[in-house]
């Protein structure tokens, strides 16, 4: 069971947007089974900025937490960018762990 908390600040997110968040963020749990929780926050920035729709995701992982904040002109794009950045961090962490394990075996 993926533990995803979702919050939209100063607006009510549509069911479609909530489903989109759950679908995309749950992929992170598939990539790393040590993730305890994902906290997702959507909010709008300054009105003058065309890319003012922000997505923040904080992953709670034993030993270290990962935090990403992305923005674009649409929440969906911000969510995808944040998930992609976290996937990259998790891949790097996994590769680093494999290399360290190999060094200790030698």
Protein backbone atom coordinates (compact mmCIF):
# COMPACT_ATOMS: atom_id res chain seq x y z
CA UNK A 1 0.00 0.00 0.00
CA UNK A 2 1.46 3.31 -1.12
CA UNK A 3 1.26 6.02 1.52
CA UNK A 4 0.68 9.21 -0.48
CA UNK A 5 -0.62 12.35 1.20
CA UNK A 6 -2.01 14.98 -1.14
CA UNK A 7 -2.70 18.64 -0.45
CA UNK A 8 -3.84 21.42 -2.76
CA UNK A 9 -3.29 24.89 -1.29
CA UNK A 10 -5.95 27.58 -1.87
CA UNK A 11 -7.87 25.54 -4.44
CA UNK A 12 -9.82 22.31 -4.62
CA UNK A 13 -8.16 19.74 -6.84
CA UNK A 14 -10.34 17.81 -9.26
CA UNK A 15 -10.66 14.05 -8.88
CA UNK A 16 -8.77 13.75 -12.18
CA UNK A 17 -5.82 15.70 -10.74
CA UNK A 18 -5.80 13.60 -7.54
CA UNK A 19 -5.88 10.39 -9.59
CA UNK A 20 -3.06 11.73 -11.77
CA UNK A 21 -0.93 12.44 -8.69
CA UNK A 22 -1.58 8.98 -7.25
CA UNK A 23 -0.82 7.25 -10.54
CA UNK A 24 2.46 9.07 -11.16
CA UNK A 25 3.77 9.17 -7.59
CA UNK A 26 2.99 5.49 -6.98
CA UNK A 27 5.62 4.67 -9.62
CA UNK A 28 8.24 5.95 -7.16
CA UNK A 29 7.16 3.28 -4.66
CA UNK A 30 7.65 0.65 -7.37
CA UNK A 31 11.18 1.89 -7.94
CA UNK A 32 12.27 1.88 -4.27
CA UNK A 33 10.48 -0.26 -1.70
CA UNK A 34 12.13 1.55 1.23
CA UNK A 35 9.98 4.67 0.68
CA UNK A 36 7.77 5.20 3.70
CA UNK A 37 5.62 8.10 2.52
CA UNK A 38 5.26 10.68 -0.24
CA UNK A 39 3.86 14.12 0.63
CA UNK A 40 2.58 15.97 -2.43
CA UNK A 41 1.59 19.65 -2.33
CA UNK A 42 0.19 21.63 -5.25
CA UNK A 43 -0.06 25.43 -5.15
CA UNK A 44 0.02 28.54 -7.32
CA UNK A 45 2.88 31.01 -7.26
CA UNK A 46 2.85 34.67 -8.29
CA UNK A 47 0.08 35.58 -10.73
CA UNK A 48 2.46 37.43 -13.07
CA UNK A 49 4.51 34.30 -13.77
CA UNK A 50 3.09 32.11 -16.60
CA UNK A 51 4.75 29.05 -15.02
CA UNK A 52 3.11 29.56 -11.65
CA UNK A 53 1.68 26.09 -10.93
CA UNK A 54 3.96 24.35 -8.45
CA UNK A 55 4.31 20.76 -7.30
CA UNK A 56 6.35 19.85 -4.23
CA UNK A 57 7.04 16.23 -3.36
CA UNK A 58 8.82 15.06 -0.24
CA UNK A 59 9.76 11.39 -0.06
CA UNK A 60 10.34 9.95 3.39
CA UNK A 61 13.05 7.32 3.07
CA UNK A 62 14.99 5.77 5.99
CA UNK A 63 18.28 7.60 6.39
CA UNK A 64 17.39 10.55 4.18
CA UNK A 65 14.42 12.40 2.77
CA UNK A 66 14.23 13.70 -0.78
CA UNK A 67 12.52 16.99 -1.61
CA UNK A 68 11.72 18.31 -5.08
CA UNK A 69 9.87 21.46 -6.14
CA UNK A 70 8.96 21.96 -9.81
CA UNK A 71 6.80 24.50 -11.61
CA UNK A 72 5.27 24.94 -15.05
CA UNK A 73 2.15 26.33 -16.70
CA UNK A 74 0.10 23.20 -15.78
CA UNK A 75 -0.04 21.10 -12.63
CA UNK A 76 0.28 17.89 -14.65
CA UNK A 77 3.58 19.06 -16.17
CA UNK A 78 4.87 20.10 -12.75
CA UNK A 79 3.93 16.70 -11.30
CA UNK A 80 5.65 14.84 -14.15
CA UNK A 81 8.82 16.96 -13.79
CA UNK A 82 8.94 16.38 -10.03
CA UNK A 83 8.41 12.62 -10.37
CA UNK A 84 11.08 12.42 -13.10
CA UNK A 85 13.59 14.28 -10.91
CA UNK A 86 12.88 11.96 -7.98
CA UNK A 87 13.20 8.89 -10.22
CA UNK A 88 16.64 10.16 -11.25
CA UNK A 89 17.64 10.64 -7.59
CA UNK A 90 16.42 7.14 -6.69
CA UNK A 91 18.27 5.59 -9.66
CA UNK A 92 21.46 7.37 -8.63
CA UNK A 93 21.04 6.18 -5.03
CA UNK A 94 20.42 2.60 -6.16
CA UNK A 95 23.49 2.64 -8.44
CA UNK A 96 25.60 4.07 -5.62
CA UNK A 97 24.38 1.32 -3.24
CA UNK A 98 25.23 -1.40 -5.78
CA UNK A 99 28.74 0.02 -6.28
CA UNK A 100 29.30 0.27 -2.52
CA UNK A 101 28.08 -3.31 -2.04
CA UNK A 102 30.47 -4.56 -4.71
CA UNK A 103 33.38 -2.71 -3.07
CA UNK A 104 32.66 -4.37 0.29
CA UNK A 105 32.48 -7.80 -1.35
CA UNK A 106 35.93 -7.46 -2.91
